[in-house]
Amino acid sequence: MSDATLHATTQNPDDFAVQIADQVESFLVAVTEVARGDQPDSAVPFLLLEVSQLLLAGGRLGAHEDIVPEERYETDTGPDPDADQLRENLARLLEPVDVYSEVFDPYEPRTAPVPARISDDLADVITDLRHGMAHYRAGRTTEALWWWQFSYFSNWGSTASATLRALHSVLAHVRLNQPLEELDGLDTDQGMGDETLEFEAGQVMQQELATPLRLREGASVEGA
């Protein structure tokens, strides 16, 4: 979507709201394109790049003073677009490494790791961002910023951060030629049970990981 379509012609491109909206829109478009599966060679490094850039926008929202909506009650934006198809496409694309383990709150003592999915995480983040974008496109700029800031703290910030760590780990194991322990039978439908994960079924070597993802050894993010 062009700036002329996304922004009013009177808006200053240097405005905070315009810059945040640009970063949100860029993420929405980019992840949707990746989910189509047309360029599997660069899926993981490209997602790493896009999530990193989105978290820059989140950091700016987090550092900003509290944004207060103009109305006491949030204006109804209608039903949020269904992200199930995007979720399913990403799950197929990332199947070898989609499930990972995450500690939900690093400040909660003795918190056991829980299973998560990159595909679920990205779909959830996109749902939050689309909701704010609906406000923005309707001209409710303050409400859009309020929603993006609120949902950054309450959901998509931590979700995107966990996803970033998972994507980084995948690339680090491949690029550094380090074995990756397979989470045999690990699924998001089951709890971990113990305070520590039980990794089984040996190791997935670099070639076994790189081939399904079509990652080329030594490729850069820009050239992948």
N, C-alpha and C. Protein backbone atom coordinates (compact mmCIF):
# COMPACT_ATOMS: atom_id res chain seq x y z
N MET A 1 0.85 -1.19 0.00
CA MET A 1 0.00 0.00 0.00
C MET A 1 0.88 1.23 0.00
N SER A 2 0.58 2.18 -0.87
CA SER A 2 1.40 3.37 -0.99
C SER A 2 1.12 4.32 0.15
N ASP A 3 2.06 5.26 0.38
CA ASP A 3 1.87 6.26 1.41
C ASP A 3 0.63 7.11 1.13
N ALA A 4 0.37 7.34 -0.18
CA ALA A 4 -0.78 8.16 -0.54
C ALA A 4 -2.08 7.49 -0.12
N THR A 5 -2.10 6.18 -0.10
CA THR A 5 -3.29 5.45 0.31
C THR A 5 -3.36 5.29 1.81
N LEU A 6 -2.23 5.03 2.42
CA LEU A 6 -2.20 4.76 3.86
C LEU A 6 -2.32 6.03 4.68
N HIS A 7 -1.74 7.13 4.22
CA HIS A 7 -1.69 8.36 5.00
C HIS A 7 -2.46 9.47 4.31
N ALA A 8 -3.02 10.37 5.11
CA ALA A 8 -3.62 11.57 4.56
C ALA A 8 -2.51 12.45 3.99
N THR A 9 -2.83 13.17 2.93
CA THR A 9 -1.82 13.98 2.24
C THR A 9 -1.29 15.10 3.12
N THR A 10 -2.04 15.46 4.16
CA THR A 10 -1.61 16.55 5.04
C THR A 10 -0.69 16.08 6.15
N GLN A 11 -0.50 14.76 6.29
CA GLN A 11 0.33 14.26 7.38
C GLN A 11 1.81 14.40 7.06
N ASN A 12 2.57 14.77 8.06
CA ASN A 12 4.02 14.91 7.93
C ASN A 12 4.66 13.53 8.05
N PRO A 13 5.47 13.11 7.06
CA PRO A 13 6.10 11.78 7.14
C PRO A 13 7.03 11.63 8.33
N ASP A 14 7.42 12.74 8.96
CA ASP A 14 8.28 12.67 10.14
C ASP A 14 7.48 12.50 11.43
N ASP A 15 6.17 12.57 11.35
CA ASP A 15 5.34 12.42 12.54
C ASP A 15 5.50 11.01 13.11
N PHE A 16 5.45 10.93 14.44
CA PHE A 16 5.58 9.65 15.13
C PHE A 16 4.54 8.65 14.65
N ALA A 17 3.28 9.07 14.55
CA ALA A 17 2.21 8.16 14.16
C ALA A 17 2.43 7.62 12.76
N VAL A 18 2.86 8.48 11.85
CA VAL A 18 3.10 8.05 10.47
C VAL A 18 4.22 7.03 10.41
N GLN A 19 5.29 7.25 11.16
CA GLN A 19 6.42 6.33 11.15
C GLN A 19 6.04 4.97 11.74
N ILE A 20 5.28 4.97 12.83
CA ILE A 20 4.85 3.71 13.42
C ILE A 20 3.92 2.97 12.46
N ALA A 21 3.00 3.68 11.87
CA ALA A 21 2.07 3.06 10.92
C ALA A 21 2.81 2.48 9.72
N ASP A 22 3.84 3.17 9.25
CA ASP A 22 4.64 2.65 8.14
C ASP A 22 5.31 1.34 8.52
N GLN A 23 5.88 1.28 9.72
CA GLN A 23 6.56 0.06 10.15
C GLN A 23 5.58 -1.09 10.35
N VAL A 24 4.41 -0.77 10.88
CA VAL A 24 3.38 -1.80 11.05
C VAL A 24 2.91 -2.32 9.71
N GLU A 25 2.62 -1.40 8.79
CA GLU A 25 2.15 -1.81 7.47
C GLU A 25 3.20 -2.63 6.73
N SER A 26 4.47 -2.23 6.84
CA SER A 26 5.55 -2.98 6.20
C SER A 26 5.61 -4.41 6.71
N PHE A 27 5.43 -4.59 8.03
CA PHE A 27 5.45 -5.92 8.60
C PHE A 27 4.28 -6.75 8.11
N LEU A 28 3.10 -6.16 8.10
CA LEU A 28 1.91 -6.88 7.65
C LEU A 28 2.06 -7.37 6.21
N VAL A 29 2.53 -6.48 5.35
CA VAL A 29 2.70 -6.85 3.94
C VAL A 29 3.78 -7.92 3.78
N ALA A 30 4.91 -7.73 4.47
CA ALA A 30 6.04 -8.64 4.31
C ALA A 30 5.72 -10.05 4.78
N VAL A 31 5.12 -10.19 5.96
CA VAL A 31 4.82 -11.52 6.49
C VAL A 31 3.76 -12.21 5.63
N THR A 32 2.80 -11.45 5.13
CA THR A 32 1.80 -12.02 4.23
C THR A 32 2.45 -12.57 2.97
N GLU A 33 3.43 -11.84 2.45
CA GLU A 33 4.15 -12.30 1.26
C GLU A 33 4.96 -13.56 1.55
N VAL A 34 5.64 -13.59 2.70
CA VAL A 34 6.42 -14.77 3.06
C VAL A 34 5.51 -15.99 3.18
N ALA A 35 4.33 -15.80 3.77
CA ALA A 35 3.41 -16.92 4.01
C ALA A 35 2.92 -17.54 2.72
N ARG A 36 2.99 -16.83 1.62
CA ARG A 36 2.58 -17.41 0.34
C ARG A 36 3.52 -18.52 -0.12
N GLY A 37 4.73 -18.51 0.41
CA GLY A 37 5.66 -19.59 0.12
C GLY A 37 6.34 -19.50 -1.23
N ASP A 38 6.31 -18.33 -1.87
CA ASP A 38 6.92 -18.19 -3.19
C ASP A 38 8.44 -18.16 -3.13
N GLN A 39 9.00 -17.76 -1.98
CA GLN A 39 10.46 -17.67 -1.84
C GLN A 39 10.90 -18.38 -0.56
N PRO A 40 10.78 -19.70 -0.53
CA PRO A 40 11.16 -20.43 0.69
C PRO A 40 12.64 -20.31 1.03
N ASP A 41 13.48 -19.99 0.03
CA ASP A 41 14.92 -19.86 0.28
C ASP A 41 15.22 -18.82 1.36
N SER A 42 14.42 -17.76 1.38
CA SER A 42 14.73 -16.65 2.28
C SER A 42 13.71 -16.47 3.39
N ALA A 43 12.83 -17.47 3.60
CA ALA A 43 11.73 -17.30 4.56
C ALA A 43 12.22 -16.98 5.97
N VAL A 44 13.10 -17.82 6.53
CA VAL A 44 13.53 -17.63 7.91
C VAL A 44 14.35 -16.34 8.08
N PRO A 45 15.39 -16.10 7.28
CA PRO A 45 16.13 -14.85 7.46
C PRO A 45 15.28 -13.60 7.21
N PHE A 46 14.33 -13.69 6.28
CA PHE A 46 13.49 -12.53 6.01
C PHE A 46 12.55 -12.27 7.18
N LEU A 47 11.99 -13.32 7.76
CA LEU A 47 11.14 -13.15 8.94
C LEU A 47 11.94 -12.57 10.11
N LEU A 48 13.18 -13.03 10.26
CA LEU A 48 14.05 -12.49 11.31
C LEU A 48 14.22 -10.99 11.14
N LEU A 49 14.45 -10.57 9.91
CA LEU A 49 14.63 -9.15 9.62
C LEU A 49 13.36 -8.36 9.92
N GLU A 50 12.21 -8.88 9.47
CA GLU A 50 10.96 -8.15 9.64
C GLU A 50 10.54 -8.06 11.11
N VAL A 51 10.70 -9.14 11.86
CA VAL A 51 10.36 -9.11 13.29
C VAL A 51 11.28 -8.14 14.03
N SER A 52 12.56 -8.12 13.64
CA SER A 52 13.50 -7.19 14.27
C SER A 52 13.07 -5.74 14.04
N GLN A 53 12.66 -5.44 12.82
CA GLN A 53 12.25 -4.07 12.51
C GLN A 53 10.95 -3.71 13.22
N LEU A 54 10.03 -4.68 13.33
CA LEU A 54 8.79 -4.41 14.05
C LEU A 54 9.07 -4.12 15.52
N LEU A 55 10.01 -4.85 16.12
CA LEU A 55 10.31 -4.62 17.53
C LEU A 55 10.97 -3.26 17.76
N LEU A 56 11.57 -2.68 16.73
CA LEU A 56 12.05 -1.31 16.84
C LEU A 56 10.86 -0.36 17.02
N ALA A 57 9.80 -0.59 16.25
CA ALA A 57 8.59 0.21 16.41
C ALA A 57 8.00 -0.02 17.79
N GLY A 58 8.01 -1.27 18.25
CA GLY A 58 7.51 -1.57 19.59
C GLY A 58 8.31 -0.88 20.67
N GLY A 59 9.63 -0.87 20.50
CA GLY A 59 10.48 -0.19 21.47
C GLY A 59 10.18 1.30 21.54
N ARG A 60 9.90 1.89 20.40
CA ARG A 60 9.56 3.32 20.38
C ARG A 60 8.21 3.56 21.07
N LEU A 61 7.25 2.65 20.83
CA LEU A 61 5.97 2.77 21.52
C LEU A 61 6.13 2.58 23.02
N GLY A 62 7.00 1.63 23.41
CA GLY A 62 7.21 1.37 24.82
C GLY A 62 7.88 2.52 25.54
N ALA A 63 8.77 3.20 24.84
CA ALA A 63 9.50 4.31 25.46
C ALA A 63 8.67 5.60 25.48
N HIS A 64 7.62 5.62 24.65
CA HIS A 64 6.77 6.82 24.57
C HIS A 64 5.90 6.94 25.82
N GLU A 65 5.57 8.16 26.18
CA GLU A 65 4.64 8.35 27.28
C GLU A 65 3.32 7.66 26.98
N ASP A 66 2.54 7.38 28.03
CA ASP A 66 1.27 6.68 27.83
C ASP A 66 0.38 7.46 26.87
N ILE A 67 -0.13 6.73 25.89
CA ILE A 67 -1.03 7.34 24.91
C ILE A 67 -2.47 7.10 25.37
N VAL A 68 -3.23 8.17 25.49
CA VAL A 68 -4.60 8.09 26.00
C VAL A 68 -5.57 8.28 24.84
N PRO A 69 -6.50 7.33 24.66
CA PRO A 69 -7.46 7.49 23.55
C PRO A 69 -8.37 8.68 23.77
N GLU A 70 -8.85 9.22 22.66
CA GLU A 70 -9.70 10.41 22.75
C GLU A 70 -11.07 10.09 23.33
N GLU A 71 -11.57 8.90 23.06
CA GLU A 71 -12.87 8.48 23.57
C GLU A 71 -12.68 7.54 24.76
N ARG A 72 -13.66 7.53 25.66
CA ARG A 72 -13.58 6.67 26.83
C ARG A 72 -13.66 5.19 26.44
N TYR A 73 -14.47 4.88 25.44
CA TYR A 73 -14.62 3.51 24.99
C TYR A 73 -14.06 3.38 23.58
N GLU A 74 -13.43 2.27 23.34
CA GLU A 74 -12.84 2.03 22.03
C GLU A 74 -13.91 1.92 20.96
N THR A 75 -13.71 2.61 19.86
CA THR A 75 -14.63 2.53 18.74
C THR A 75 -14.58 1.14 18.12
N ASP A 76 -15.74 0.59 17.81
CA ASP A 76 -15.81 -0.75 17.23
C ASP A 76 -15.24 -0.73 15.81
N THR A 77 -14.25 -1.57 15.56
CA THR A 77 -13.65 -1.64 14.23
C THR A 77 -14.25 -2.75 13.39
N GLY A 78 -15.24 -3.46 13.94
CA GLY A 78 -15.80 -4.59 13.24
C GLY A 78 -14.97 -5.84 13.50
N PRO A 79 -15.36 -6.96 12.93
CA PRO A 79 -14.62 -8.21 13.17
C PRO A 79 -13.20 -8.14 12.62
N ASP A 80 -12.25 -8.66 13.40
CA ASP A 80 -10.87 -8.69 12.92
C ASP A 80 -10.73 -9.71 11.79
N PRO A 81 -9.93 -9.40 10.76
CA PRO A 81 -9.73 -10.34 9.67
C PRO A 81 -9.19 -11.68 10.17
N ASP A 82 -9.64 -12.75 9.58
CA ASP A 82 -9.22 -14.09 9.97
C ASP A 82 -7.77 -14.31 9.55
N ALA A 83 -6.94 -14.74 10.51
CA ALA A 83 -5.53 -15.00 10.23
C ALA A 83 -5.22 -16.49 10.14
N ASP A 84 -6.26 -17.33 10.10
CA ASP A 84 -6.04 -18.78 10.11
C ASP A 84 -5.30 -19.26 8.87
N GLN A 85 -5.63 -18.70 7.70
CA GLN A 85 -4.96 -19.15 6.48
C GLN A 85 -3.48 -18.79 6.51
N LEU A 86 -3.18 -17.59 6.97
CA LEU A 86 -1.78 -17.18 7.11
C LEU A 86 -1.06 -18.08 8.10
N ARG A 87 -1.73 -18.40 9.21
CA ARG A 87 -1.15 -19.27 10.24
C ARG A 87 -0.83 -20.65 9.65
N GLU A 88 -1.76 -21.20 8.90
CA GLU A 88 -1.56 -22.53 8.31
C GLU A 88 -0.44 -22.52 7.27
N ASN A 89 -0.39 -21.47 6.46
CA ASN A 89 0.67 -21.38 5.45
C ASN A 89 2.05 -21.29 6.09
N LEU A 90 2.16 -20.49 7.14
CA LEU A 90 3.44 -20.36 7.84
C LEU A 90 3.82 -21.68 8.51
N ALA A 91 2.83 -22.38 9.06
CA ALA A 91 3.12 -23.66 9.72
C ALA A 91 3.68 -24.67 8.73
N ARG A 92 3.13 -24.71 7.52
CA ARG A 92 3.67 -25.62 6.49
C ARG A 92 5.07 -25.20 6.07
N LEU A 93 5.28 -23.90 5.93
CA LEU A 93 6.58 -23.40 5.47
C LEU A 93 7.67 -23.64 6.50
N LEU A 94 7.32 -23.53 7.78
CA LEU A 94 8.30 -23.63 8.86
C LEU A 94 8.26 -24.96 9.59
N GLU A 95 7.57 -25.95 9.05
CA GLU A 95 7.28 -27.20 9.75
C GLU A 95 8.48 -27.81 10.48
N PRO A 96 9.68 -27.84 9.90
CA PRO A 96 10.80 -28.48 10.63
C PRO A 96 11.18 -27.79 11.94
N VAL A 97 10.90 -26.49 12.05
CA VAL A 97 11.33 -25.73 13.23
C VAL A 97 10.22 -24.87 13.81
N ASP A 98 8.99 -25.15 13.45
CA ASP A 98 7.88 -24.29 13.88
C ASP A 98 7.70 -24.30 15.39
N VAL A 99 7.81 -25.47 16.03
CA VAL A 99 7.60 -25.57 17.47
C VAL A 99 8.91 -25.30 18.20
N TYR A 100 8.85 -24.46 19.21
CA TYR A 100 10.03 -24.16 20.02
C TYR A 100 9.59 -24.03 21.47
N SER A 101 10.54 -23.88 22.39
CA SER A 101 10.20 -23.73 23.81
C SER A 101 10.52 -22.32 24.27
N GLU A 102 9.69 -21.83 25.18
CA GLU A 102 9.82 -20.44 25.62
C GLU A 102 9.44 -20.32 27.09
N VAL A 103 10.14 -19.46 27.80
CA VAL A 103 9.75 -19.11 29.17
C VAL A 103 8.90 -17.86 29.09
N PHE A 104 7.64 -17.97 29.53
CA PHE A 104 6.69 -16.87 29.33
C PHE A 104 7.11 -15.60 30.05
N ASP A 105 7.50 -15.72 31.32
CA ASP A 105 7.88 -14.54 32.10
C ASP A 105 9.23 -14.80 32.76
N PRO A 106 10.29 -14.17 32.29
CA PRO A 106 11.63 -14.43 32.85
C PRO A 106 11.77 -13.97 34.29
N TYR A 107 10.84 -13.17 34.79
CA TYR A 107 10.91 -12.71 36.17
C TYR A 107 10.04 -13.51 37.12
N GLU A 108 9.34 -14.50 36.59
CA GLU A 108 8.54 -15.38 37.43
C GLU A 108 9.44 -16.52 37.90
N PRO A 109 9.65 -16.68 39.23
CA PRO A 109 10.59 -17.68 39.71
C PRO A 109 10.15 -19.11 39.35
N ARG A 110 11.16 -19.90 38.95
CA ARG A 110 10.96 -21.32 38.65
C ARG A 110 9.90 -21.56 37.59
N THR A 111 9.83 -20.67 36.62
CA THR A 111 8.88 -20.85 35.53
C THR A 111 9.40 -21.91 34.56
N ALA A 112 8.59 -22.91 34.28
CA ALA A 112 8.99 -23.97 33.36
C ALA A 112 8.80 -23.52 31.92
N PRO A 113 9.67 -23.94 31.02
CA PRO A 113 9.47 -23.62 29.60
C PRO A 113 8.16 -24.21 29.09
N VAL A 114 7.56 -23.52 28.15
CA VAL A 114 6.32 -23.99 27.54
C VAL A 114 6.51 -24.05 26.02
N PRO A 115 5.80 -24.95 25.35
CA PRO A 115 5.93 -25.03 23.89
C PRO A 115 5.16 -23.92 23.21
N ALA A 116 5.68 -23.44 22.09
CA ALA A 116 5.03 -22.41 21.30
C ALA A 116 5.31 -22.69 19.83
N ARG A 117 4.60 -21.99 18.97
CA ARG A 117 4.80 -22.13 17.53
C ARG A 117 5.08 -20.76 16.91
N ILE A 118 6.06 -20.70 16.05
CA ILE A 118 6.36 -19.46 15.34
C ILE A 118 5.16 -19.03 14.52
N SER A 119 4.51 -19.98 13.86
CA SER A 119 3.36 -19.65 13.01
C SER A 119 2.21 -19.06 13.83
N ASP A 120 1.95 -19.63 15.00
CA ASP A 120 0.91 -19.08 15.88
C ASP A 120 1.28 -17.68 16.35
N ASP A 121 2.54 -17.51 16.73
CA ASP A 121 3.00 -16.22 17.23
C ASP A 121 2.82 -15.12 16.18
N LEU A 122 3.27 -15.40 14.97
CA LEU A 122 3.20 -14.38 13.92
C LEU A 122 1.75 -14.04 13.58
N ALA A 123 0.88 -15.05 13.56
CA ALA A 123 -0.53 -14.79 13.28
C ALA A 123 -1.15 -13.95 14.39
N ASP A 124 -0.78 -14.22 15.63
CA ASP A 124 -1.31 -13.44 16.76
C ASP A 124 -0.83 -11.99 16.71
N VAL A 125 0.44 -11.80 16.39
CA VAL A 125 0.99 -10.46 16.27
C VAL A 125 0.27 -9.70 15.16
N ILE A 126 0.08 -10.35 14.03
CA ILE A 126 -0.59 -9.70 12.90
C ILE A 126 -2.02 -9.31 13.25
N THR A 127 -2.72 -10.16 14.01
CA THR A 127 -4.08 -9.84 14.42
C THR A 127 -4.11 -8.56 15.26
N ASP A 128 -3.18 -8.43 16.20
CA ASP A 128 -3.10 -7.21 17.01
C ASP A 128 -2.80 -5.98 16.15
N LEU A 129 -1.85 -6.13 15.24
CA LEU A 129 -1.45 -4.98 14.42
C LEU A 129 -2.56 -4.56 13.46
N ARG A 130 -3.27 -5.52 12.90
CA ARG A 130 -4.37 -5.20 11.99
C ARG A 130 -5.47 -4.43 12.71
N HIS A 131 -5.72 -4.78 13.95
CA HIS A 131 -6.75 -4.10 14.72
C HIS A 131 -6.42 -2.61 14.85
N GLY A 132 -5.17 -2.32 15.19
CA GLY A 132 -4.75 -0.92 15.27
C GLY A 132 -4.77 -0.24 13.92
N MET A 133 -4.42 -0.97 12.87
CA MET A 133 -4.41 -0.39 11.53
C MET A 133 -5.81 -0.02 11.08
N ALA A 134 -6.82 -0.76 11.53
CA ALA A 134 -8.20 -0.41 11.19
C ALA A 134 -8.55 0.96 11.76
N HIS A 135 -8.11 1.24 12.98
CA HIS A 135 -8.31 2.57 13.58
C HIS A 135 -7.57 3.62 12.75
N TYR A 136 -6.34 3.32 12.40
CA TYR A 136 -5.51 4.31 11.70
C TYR A 136 -6.12 4.67 10.35
N ARG A 137 -6.56 3.66 9.61
CA ARG A 137 -7.12 3.91 8.28
C ARG A 137 -8.45 4.66 8.36
N ALA A 138 -9.12 4.53 9.51
CA ALA A 138 -10.37 5.25 9.69
C ALA A 138 -10.13 6.68 10.19
N GLY A 139 -8.89 7.06 10.33
CA GLY A 139 -8.56 8.41 10.76
C GLY A 139 -8.45 8.59 12.25
N ARG A 140 -8.58 7.49 13.02
CA ARG A 140 -8.48 7.56 14.48
C ARG A 140 -7.03 7.30 14.90
N THR A 141 -6.17 8.25 14.64
CA THR A 141 -4.73 8.08 14.83
C THR A 141 -4.37 7.84 16.29
N THR A 142 -4.93 8.63 17.18
CA THR A 142 -4.62 8.47 18.60
C THR A 142 -5.06 7.10 19.10
N GLU A 143 -6.24 6.66 18.65
CA GLU A 143 -6.73 5.36 19.09
C GLU A 143 -5.86 4.24 18.54
N ALA A 144 -5.37 4.41 17.32
CA ALA A 144 -4.47 3.41 16.73
C ALA A 144 -3.19 3.31 17.54
N LEU A 145 -2.60 4.45 17.88
CA LEU A 145 -1.37 4.44 18.67
C LEU A 145 -1.61 3.87 20.06
N TRP A 146 -2.77 4.24 20.65
CA TRP A 146 -3.10 3.68 21.97
C TRP A 146 -3.17 2.16 21.90
N TRP A 147 -3.85 1.63 20.88
CA TRP A 147 -4.00 0.18 20.78
C TRP A 147 -2.66 -0.50 20.55
N TRP A 148 -1.86 0.04 19.64
CA TRP A 148 -0.55 -0.57 19.37
C TRP A 148 0.32 -0.54 20.61
N GLN A 149 0.28 0.54 21.37
CA GLN A 149 1.08 0.63 22.58
C GLN A 149 0.56 -0.34 23.65
N PHE A 150 -0.75 -0.34 23.86
CA PHE A 150 -1.34 -1.22 24.87
C PHE A 150 -1.09 -2.69 24.53
N SER A 151 -1.34 -3.07 23.29
CA SER A 151 -1.17 -4.48 22.91
C SER A 151 0.31 -4.86 22.82
N TYR A 152 1.20 -3.89 22.63
CA TYR A 152 2.64 -4.16 22.69
C TYR A 152 3.01 -4.64 24.08
N PHE A 153 2.51 -3.96 25.10
CA PHE A 153 2.82 -4.37 26.47
C PHE A 153 2.07 -5.63 26.89
N SER A 154 0.85 -5.79 26.42
CA SER A 154 0.02 -6.89 26.90
C SER A 154 0.16 -8.17 26.08
N ASN A 155 0.63 -8.09 24.83
CA ASN A 155 0.67 -9.31 24.02
C ASN A 155 1.76 -9.32 22.96
N TRP A 156 1.64 -8.47 21.94
CA TRP A 156 2.48 -8.70 20.76
C TRP A 156 3.95 -8.40 20.99
N GLY A 157 4.27 -7.57 21.98
CA GLY A 157 5.68 -7.29 22.25
C GLY A 157 6.42 -8.53 22.74
N SER A 158 5.87 -9.20 23.74
CA SER A 158 6.51 -10.41 24.26
C SER A 158 6.44 -11.55 23.24
N THR A 159 5.34 -11.61 22.50
CA THR A 159 5.20 -12.67 21.49
C THR A 159 6.23 -12.50 20.38
N ALA A 160 6.37 -11.29 19.88
CA ALA A 160 7.35 -11.03 18.82
C ALA A 160 8.77 -11.23 19.33
N SER A 161 9.03 -10.88 20.59
CA SER A 161 10.37 -11.07 21.15
C SER A 161 10.73 -12.55 21.22
N ALA A 162 9.77 -13.37 21.64
CA ALA A 162 10.00 -14.81 21.69
C ALA A 162 10.23 -15.38 20.29
N THR A 163 9.44 -14.91 19.33
CA THR A 163 9.60 -15.36 17.95
C THR A 163 10.97 -14.98 17.41
N LEU A 164 11.41 -13.77 17.73
CA LEU A 164 12.73 -13.32 17.28
C LEU A 164 13.83 -14.24 17.81
N ARG A 165 13.75 -14.62 19.08
CA ARG A 165 14.76 -15.51 19.64
C ARG A 165 14.75 -16.87 18.95
N ALA A 166 13.55 -17.37 18.64
CA ALA A 166 13.45 -18.66 17.97
C ALA A 166 14.04 -18.60 16.57
N LEU A 167 13.70 -17.57 15.81
CA LEU A 167 14.23 -17.42 14.45
C LEU A 167 15.75 -17.23 14.48
N HIS A 168 16.22 -16.44 15.43
CA HIS A 168 17.66 -16.24 15.56
C HIS A 168 18.36 -17.56 15.87
N SER A 169 17.77 -18.36 16.74
CA SER A 169 18.37 -19.64 17.10
C SER A 169 18.47 -20.57 15.90
N VAL A 170 17.42 -20.61 15.09
CA VAL A 170 17.43 -21.45 13.89
C VAL A 170 18.60 -21.07 12.98
N LEU A 171 18.71 -19.79 12.68
CA LEU A 171 19.79 -19.34 11.78
C LEU A 171 21.16 -19.52 12.40
N ALA A 172 21.26 -19.29 13.69
CA ALA A 172 22.55 -19.44 14.36
C ALA A 172 23.03 -20.89 14.28
N HIS A 173 22.14 -21.85 14.52
CA HIS A 173 22.51 -23.25 14.44
C HIS A 173 22.96 -23.63 13.02
N VAL A 174 22.26 -23.10 12.02
CA VAL A 174 22.59 -23.44 10.63
C VAL A 174 23.89 -22.77 10.21
N ARG A 175 24.01 -21.47 10.45
CA ARG A 175 25.18 -20.73 9.96
C ARG A 175 26.45 -21.13 10.70
N LEU A 176 26.33 -21.51 11.97
CA LEU A 176 27.50 -21.90 12.75
C LEU A 176 27.76 -23.40 12.71
N ASN A 177 26.94 -24.11 11.92
CA ASN A 177 27.12 -25.55 11.75
C ASN A 177 27.10 -26.28 13.10
N GLN A 178 26.12 -25.91 13.91
CA GLN A 178 25.96 -26.54 15.23
C GLN A 178 24.72 -27.42 15.23
N PRO A 179 24.84 -28.65 15.78
CA PRO A 179 23.66 -29.53 15.83
C PRO A 179 22.53 -28.90 16.63
N LEU A 180 21.33 -29.20 16.23
CA LEU A 180 20.15 -28.71 16.92
C LEU A 180 19.39 -29.89 17.50
N GLU A 181 19.22 -29.90 18.83
CA GLU A 181 18.50 -31.00 19.45
C GLU A 181 17.04 -30.98 19.03
N GLU A 182 16.54 -32.13 18.65
CA GLU A 182 15.17 -32.23 18.18
C GLU A 182 14.21 -32.35 19.36
N LEU A 183 13.12 -31.57 19.31
CA LEU A 183 12.10 -31.64 20.35
C LEU A 183 11.11 -32.72 19.95
N ASP A 184 11.43 -33.95 20.23
CA ASP A 184 10.64 -35.08 19.77
C ASP A 184 9.30 -35.12 20.48
N GLY A 185 8.22 -35.04 19.71
CA GLY A 185 6.89 -35.11 20.28
C GLY A 185 6.42 -33.83 20.93
N LEU A 186 7.23 -32.79 20.95
CA LEU A 186 6.84 -31.53 21.58
C LEU A 186 5.74 -30.87 20.77
N ASP A 187 4.67 -30.50 21.43
CA ASP A 187 3.55 -29.88 20.75
C ASP A 187 2.94 -28.84 21.66
N THR A 188 2.28 -27.85 21.06
CA THR A 188 1.67 -26.80 21.86
C THR A 188 0.39 -27.27 22.54
N ASP A 189 -0.09 -28.45 22.22
CA ASP A 189 -1.30 -28.96 22.85
C ASP A 189 -1.02 -29.67 24.16
N GLN A 190 0.25 -29.79 24.54
CA GLN A 190 0.59 -30.49 25.76
C GLN A 190 1.50 -29.63 26.63
N GLY A 191 1.44 -29.81 27.93
CA GLY A 191 2.31 -29.08 28.84
C GLY A 191 3.65 -29.76 28.94
N MET A 192 4.62 -29.04 29.51
CA MET A 192 5.95 -29.61 29.61
C MET A 192 6.07 -30.51 30.83
N GLY A 193 5.27 -30.26 31.87
CA GLY A 193 5.27 -31.14 33.02
C GLY A 193 6.38 -30.83 34.00
N ASP A 194 7.62 -30.95 33.61
CA ASP A 194 8.76 -30.74 34.49
C ASP A 194 9.32 -29.34 34.32
N GLU A 195 10.22 -28.98 35.25
CA GLU A 195 10.83 -27.66 35.16
C GLU A 195 11.84 -27.58 34.04
N THR A 196 12.30 -28.71 33.58
CA THR A 196 13.26 -28.75 32.48
C THR A 196 12.69 -29.59 31.35
N LEU A 197 13.01 -29.21 30.13
CA LEU A 197 12.54 -29.95 28.96
C LEU A 197 13.32 -31.24 28.80
N GLU A 198 12.64 -32.27 28.35
CA GLU A 198 13.29 -33.53 28.02
C GLU A 198 13.45 -33.60 26.51
N PHE A 199 14.68 -33.42 26.06
CA PHE A 199 14.94 -33.50 24.63
C PHE A 199 15.30 -34.95 24.27
N GLU A 200 14.63 -35.49 23.25
CA GLU A 200 14.83 -36.87 22.85
C GLU A 200 15.13 -36.95 21.36
N ALA A 201 15.39 -38.19 20.92
CA ALA A 201 15.51 -38.52 19.49
C ALA A 201 16.77 -37.99 18.84
N GLY A 202 17.77 -37.70 19.63
CA GLY A 202 19.06 -37.35 19.03
C GLY A 202 19.14 -35.93 18.53
N GLN A 203 19.79 -35.75 17.37
CA GLN A 203 20.09 -34.42 16.86
C GLN A 203 19.67 -34.28 15.41
N VAL A 204 19.35 -33.06 15.05
CA VAL A 204 19.09 -32.73 13.65
C VAL A 204 20.29 -31.95 13.15
N MET A 205 21.04 -32.53 12.24
CA MET A 205 22.25 -31.89 11.75
C MET A 205 21.91 -30.77 10.78
N GLN A 206 22.91 -29.99 10.45
CA GLN A 206 22.68 -28.80 9.64
C GLN A 206 21.99 -29.11 8.33
N GLN A 207 22.40 -30.17 7.65
CA GLN A 207 21.83 -30.47 6.35
C GLN A 207 20.37 -30.85 6.47
N GLU A 208 20.02 -31.56 7.53
CA GLU A 208 18.64 -31.98 7.72
C GLU A 208 17.75 -30.78 8.01
N LEU A 209 18.30 -29.77 8.63
CA LEU A 209 17.54 -28.57 8.93
C LEU A 209 17.51 -27.64 7.73
N ALA A 210 18.63 -27.49 7.06
CA ALA A 210 18.72 -26.52 5.98
C ALA A 210 17.94 -26.94 4.75
N THR A 211 17.89 -28.24 4.45
CA THR A 211 17.24 -28.69 3.23
C THR A 211 15.74 -28.39 3.22
N PRO A 212 14.97 -28.76 4.27
CA PRO A 212 13.55 -28.44 4.22
C PRO A 212 13.26 -26.95 4.16
N LEU A 213 14.11 -26.14 4.80
CA LEU A 213 13.91 -24.70 4.80
C LEU A 213 14.53 -24.03 3.59
N ARG A 214 15.31 -24.81 2.82
CA ARG A 214 15.99 -24.30 1.62
C ARG A 214 16.92 -23.15 1.95
N LEU A 215 17.57 -23.25 3.08
CA LEU A 215 18.53 -22.24 3.49
C LEU A 215 19.88 -22.57 2.88
N ARG A 216 20.47 -21.61 2.24
CA ARG A 216 21.76 -21.83 1.62
C ARG A 216 22.85 -21.50 2.62
N GLU A 217 23.81 -22.39 2.76
CA GLU A 217 24.88 -22.21 3.74
C GLU A 217 25.65 -20.95 3.45
N GLY A 218 25.81 -20.12 4.48
CA GLY A 218 26.63 -18.93 4.37
C GLY A 218 25.95 -17.77 3.70
N ALA A 219 24.62 -17.91 3.34
CA ALA A 219 23.94 -16.82 2.67
C ALA A 219 23.68 -15.69 3.63
N SER A 220 23.75 -14.46 3.13
CA SER A 220 23.44 -13.31 3.96
C SER A 220 21.95 -13.07 3.93
N VAL A 221 21.47 -12.20 4.84
CA VAL A 221 20.04 -11.89 4.88
C VAL A 221 19.61 -11.27 3.58
N GLU A 222 20.41 -10.34 3.05
CA GLU A 222 20.03 -9.65 1.85
C GLU A 222 20.09 -10.57 0.63
N GLY A 223 21.02 -11.53 0.68
CA GLY A 223 21.19 -12.35 -0.50
C GLY A 223 20.51 -13.69 -0.41
N ALA A 224 19.84 -13.99 0.73
CA ALA A 224 19.21 -15.30 0.88
C ALA A 224 18.01 -15.46 -0.02
